[in-house]
Protein backbone atom coordinates (compact mmCIF):
# COMPACT_ATOMS: atom_id res chain seq x y z
CA UNK A 1 2.04 6.36 38.53
CA UNK A 2 2.84 4.20 35.56
CA UNK A 3 2.90 6.31 32.42
CA UNK A 4 1.87 4.32 29.35
CA UNK A 5 4.28 4.10 26.36
CA UNK A 6 1.95 5.23 23.59
CA UNK A 7 2.08 7.27 20.37
CA UNK A 8 -0.41 9.66 22.03
CA UNK A 9 2.38 10.86 24.37
CA UNK A 10 5.07 11.07 21.68
CA UNK A 11 7.17 14.23 22.29
CA UNK A 12 5.62 14.70 25.72
CA UNK A 13 7.76 14.47 28.86
CA UNK A 14 6.85 12.37 31.93
CA UNK A 15 6.26 15.50 33.95
CA UNK A 16 3.89 16.89 31.27
CA UNK A 17 2.06 13.51 31.27
CA UNK A 18 1.45 13.86 34.97
CA UNK A 19 0.04 17.34 34.44
CA UNK A 20 -2.25 16.03 31.70
CA UNK A 21 -3.41 13.23 34.04
CA UNK A 22 -4.46 15.77 36.66
CA UNK A 23 -5.67 18.53 34.35
CA UNK A 24 -7.78 16.21 32.16
CA UNK A 25 -9.38 14.44 35.09
CA UNK A 26 -8.07 11.00 33.85
CA UNK A 27 -9.71 7.96 35.43
CA UNK A 28 -7.55 4.83 35.91
CA UNK A 29 -9.32 1.48 36.16
CA UNK A 30 -8.24 -2.12 36.35
CA UNK A 31 -9.93 -5.11 34.63
CA UNK A 32 -9.84 -8.89 34.81
CA UNK A 33 -9.76 -11.28 31.83
CA UNK A 34 -13.08 -11.38 29.84
CA UNK A 35 -14.38 -8.30 31.70
CA UNK A 36 -15.88 -5.62 29.48
CA UNK A 37 -13.74 -2.46 29.40
CA UNK A 38 -15.66 -0.27 27.01
CA UNK A 39 -18.99 -0.38 25.12
CA UNK A 40 -19.05 1.67 21.94
CA UNK A 41 -22.85 1.79 22.08
CA UNK A 42 -23.08 3.32 25.51
CA UNK A 43 -22.15 6.83 24.35
CA UNK A 44 -19.38 7.06 26.94
CA UNK A 45 -17.42 9.61 24.90
CA UNK A 46 -14.07 8.55 26.43
CA UNK A 47 -10.75 7.65 24.92
CA UNK A 48 -8.91 4.77 26.70
CA UNK A 49 -5.19 4.06 26.72
CA UNK A 50 -4.02 0.62 27.78
CA UNK A 51 -1.37 0.96 30.42
CA UNK A 52 -0.71 -2.77 30.96
CA UNK A 53 -2.05 -6.18 29.93
CA UNK A 54 -3.94 -6.79 26.65
CA UNK A 55 -7.42 -6.38 25.26
CA UNK A 56 -9.46 -6.97 22.14
CA UNK A 57 -11.92 -4.78 20.20
CA UNK A 58 -14.61 -7.10 18.95
CA UNK A 59 -17.87 -6.98 17.10
CA UNK A 60 -20.84 -9.31 17.74
CA UNK A 61 -23.54 -9.24 15.09
CA UNK A 62 -27.19 -10.03 15.60
CA UNK A 63 -26.62 -13.71 14.97
CA UNK A 64 -24.00 -13.83 17.74
CA UNK A 65 -21.06 -14.21 15.32
CA UNK A 66 -17.88 -12.71 16.82
CA UNK A 67 -15.25 -10.77 14.86
CA UNK A 68 -12.04 -9.38 16.27
CA UNK A 69 -11.49 -5.85 14.95
CA UNK A 70 -8.28 -5.07 16.78
CA UNK A 71 -5.85 -6.53 19.34
CA UNK A 72 -4.60 -3.98 21.91
CA UNK A 73 -1.32 -4.16 23.75
CA UNK A 74 0.17 -1.68 26.28
CA UNK A 75 0.03 1.79 24.70
CA UNK A 76 -3.00 0.82 22.56
CA UNK A 77 -5.76 3.41 22.24
CA UNK A 78 -9.50 3.01 21.75
CA UNK A 79 -12.61 5.14 21.71
CA UNK A 80 -15.51 6.33 19.59
CA UNK A 81 -13.47 9.05 17.90
CA UNK A 82 -11.13 6.33 16.59
CA UNK A 83 -13.87 4.13 15.13
CA UNK A 84 -15.94 4.35 11.95
CA UNK A 85 -19.69 4.64 12.29
CA UNK A 86 -21.47 1.39 13.20
CA UNK A 87 -24.22 1.58 10.59
CA UNK A 88 -25.56 -1.96 11.20
CA UNK A 89 -26.10 -1.55 14.90
CA UNK A 90 -23.89 -4.51 15.87
CA UNK A 91 -22.40 -4.74 19.37
CA UNK A 92 -18.86 -3.42 19.46
CA UNK A 93 -16.88 -3.41 22.69
CA UNK A 94 -13.44 -3.74 24.20
CA UNK A 95 -12.90 -6.71 26.50
CA UNK A 96 -9.93 -7.58 28.69
CA UNK A 97 -7.74 -10.46 27.48
CA UNK A 98 -5.00 -10.34 30.10
CA UNK A 99 -5.47 -8.40 33.39
CA UNK A 100 -5.03 -4.80 32.45
CA UNK A 101 -5.02 -1.19 33.59
CA UNK A 102 -6.59 1.61 31.48
CA UNK A 103 -6.46 5.37 31.53
CA UNK A 104 -9.73 7.01 30.46
CA UNK A 105 -9.67 10.53 29.03
CA UNK A 106 -12.75 12.73 28.44
CA UNK A 107 -13.07 12.81 24.63
CA UNK A 108 -13.63 16.58 24.51
CA UNK A 109 -10.21 17.20 25.97
CA UNK A 110 -8.69 15.57 22.85
CA UNK A 111 -10.91 17.32 20.36
CA UNK A 112 -10.31 20.96 21.35
CA UNK A 113 -7.09 22.89 21.75
CA UNK A 114 -6.11 24.12 25.14
CA UNK A 115 -7.47 27.59 26.08
CA UNK A 116 -4.11 28.34 27.67
CA UNK A 117 -2.31 27.14 24.52
CA UNK A 118 -0.31 24.51 26.48
CA UNK A 119 2.29 22.99 24.22
CA UNK A 120 1.87 19.45 25.55
CA UNK A 121 -1.91 19.59 25.21
CA UNK A 122 -1.64 20.73 21.57
CA UNK A 123 1.02 18.12 20.84
CA UNK A 124 -1.25 15.40 22.24
CA UNK A 125 -4.07 16.48 19.91
CA UNK A 126 -1.69 16.36 16.92
CA UNK A 127 -0.65 12.84 17.98
CA UNK A 128 -4.29 11.79 18.09
CA UNK A 129 -4.79 12.90 14.47
CA UNK A 130 -1.74 10.88 13.43
CA UNK A 131 -3.16 7.90 15.32
CA UNK A 132 -6.52 8.21 13.55
CA UNK A 133 -4.64 8.05 10.20
CA UNK A 134 -2.83 4.86 11.37
CA UNK A 135 -6.13 3.33 12.42
CA UNK A 136 -7.49 4.01 8.94
CA UNK A 137 -4.47 2.22 7.48
CA UNK A 138 -5.06 -0.79 9.77
CA UNK A 139 -8.72 -0.89 8.68
CA UNK A 140 -7.63 -0.85 5.01
CA UNK A 141 -5.38 -3.83 5.69
CA UNK A 142 -8.23 -5.71 7.37
CA UNK A 143 -10.49 -5.06 4.36
CA UNK A 144 -7.69 -6.37 2.11
CA UNK A 145 -7.56 -9.63 4.09
CA UNK A 146 -11.34 -10.13 4.29
CA UNK A 147 -11.75 -9.44 0.58
CA UNK A 148 -9.98 -12.68 -0.27
CA UNK A 149 -12.38 -15.48 -1.11
CA UNK A 150 -10.64 -18.59 0.32
CA UNK A 151 -9.27 -19.27 3.81
CA UNK A 152 -5.85 -19.98 2.31
CA UNK A 153 -5.74 -16.66 0.47
CA UNK A 154 -6.92 -14.79 3.63
CA UNK A 155 -4.07 -16.38 5.62
CA UNK A 156 -1.54 -15.71 2.92
CA UNK A 157 -2.68 -12.10 2.56
CA UNK A 158 -2.40 -11.57 6.34
CA UNK A 159 1.00 -13.22 6.49
CA UNK A 160 2.20 -11.18 3.56
CA UNK A 161 1.18 -7.94 5.31
CA UNK A 162 2.98 -8.97 8.49
CA UNK A 163 6.07 -10.01 6.49
CA UNK A 164 6.18 -6.52 4.86
CA UNK A 165 6.25 -4.97 8.34
CA UNK A 166 8.40 -7.39 10.28
CA UNK A 167 10.45 -9.43 7.83
CA UNK A 168 10.34 -13.16 7.17
CA UNK A 169 9.88 -14.19 10.82
CA UNK A 170 7.29 -12.61 13.13
CA UNK A 171 5.11 -13.28 16.16
CA UNK A 172 1.36 -13.15 15.82
CA UNK A 173 -0.20 -10.44 18.00
CA UNK A 174 -2.88 -12.87 19.14
CA UNK A 175 -3.68 -16.60 19.44
CA UNK A 176 -4.64 -18.83 16.55
CA UNK A 177 -8.23 -18.81 17.76
CA UNK A 178 -8.20 -15.05 17.65
CA UNK A 179 -6.65 -15.19 14.19
CA UNK A 180 -9.57 -17.29 12.99
CA UNK A 181 -11.87 -14.60 14.34
CA UNK A 182 -9.77 -11.85 12.71
CA UNK A 183 -10.06 -13.40 9.23
CA UNK A 184 -13.76 -14.32 9.93
CA UNK A 185 -13.54 -18.08 9.47
CA UNK A 186 -14.00 -21.28 11.37
CA UNK A 187 -11.04 -22.18 13.52
CA UNK A 188 -11.01 -25.93 12.52
CA UNK A 189 -11.09 -25.01 8.81
CA UNK A 190 -8.29 -22.51 9.35
CA UNK A 191 -6.16 -25.04 11.18
CA UNK A 192 -6.51 -27.50 8.23
CA UNK A 193 -5.31 -24.77 5.87
CA UNK A 194 -2.36 -23.96 8.15
CA UNK A 195 -1.44 -27.63 8.15
CA UNK A 196 -1.45 -27.65 4.36
CA UNK A 197 0.73 -24.53 4.29
CA UNK A 198 3.23 -26.14 6.65
CA UNK A 199 3.31 -29.43 4.74
CA UNK A 200 3.73 -27.51 1.47
CA UNK A 201 6.80 -25.75 2.83
CA UNK A 202 5.16 -22.33 2.63
CA UNK A 203 5.41 -21.45 6.28
CA UNK A 204 6.66 -22.77 9.57
CA UNK A 205 4.51 -22.18 12.68
CA UNK A 206 5.62 -22.70 16.26
CA UNK A 207 3.03 -21.37 18.73
CA UNK A 208 2.54 -17.77 17.65
CA UNK A 209 5.85 -17.53 15.80
CA UNK A 210 5.49 -17.64 11.98
CA UNK A 211 8.44 -18.03 9.61
CA UNK A 212 7.88 -17.54 5.87
CA UNK A 213 9.71 -20.20 3.87
CA UNK A 214 8.46 -19.58 0.40
CA UNK A 215 9.87 -16.79 -1.72
CA UNK A 216 6.55 -15.31 -2.70
CA UNK A 217 3.41 -15.88 -0.68
CA UNK A 218 1.23 -13.08 -2.08
CA UNK A 219 -2.17 -14.65 -2.89
């Protein structure tokens, strides 16, 4: 059994994780690229933890426009209890990007404390609350990026946030095409702006690696 390295299991031993797997009735499934992993509109009431591979949480509105909400790597967590209410009725799902394996937990097991007062169960619930707070922070950052009017300012805002976390050189968590979806803009238009930023000596981009060259890039 491969135990995922995730904040949900912080402070929980490998043996305790195995007990949780059996006690909670965890289901493990494997998915191929572009296969749907989870549909937030289906009322599945599960929480998924990515064991391996990568996936994206995306929204498709009624016009068919696609927006990436989150990029998931091993240890990433998703589920209805970690999302804000979808008031517009858009389609929101998790799809496989690179072949992946997922552990699915019944949501109720993560909402209620253990009747036997198991320490590892209670610790896992505490970790989930911390994770919900982190998700709220990530959403706030996304709103900050999308609130910028121009493509250039959206890019600079996103790069500035990444620089604050990772320093002057960092690797994008997704492809440039996915970055265009993340900032809700046309890929061709975004690539033109990236070219201008490179030619202006603001950033250097090699594949997914971004290096900030300018002293201050805050839009």
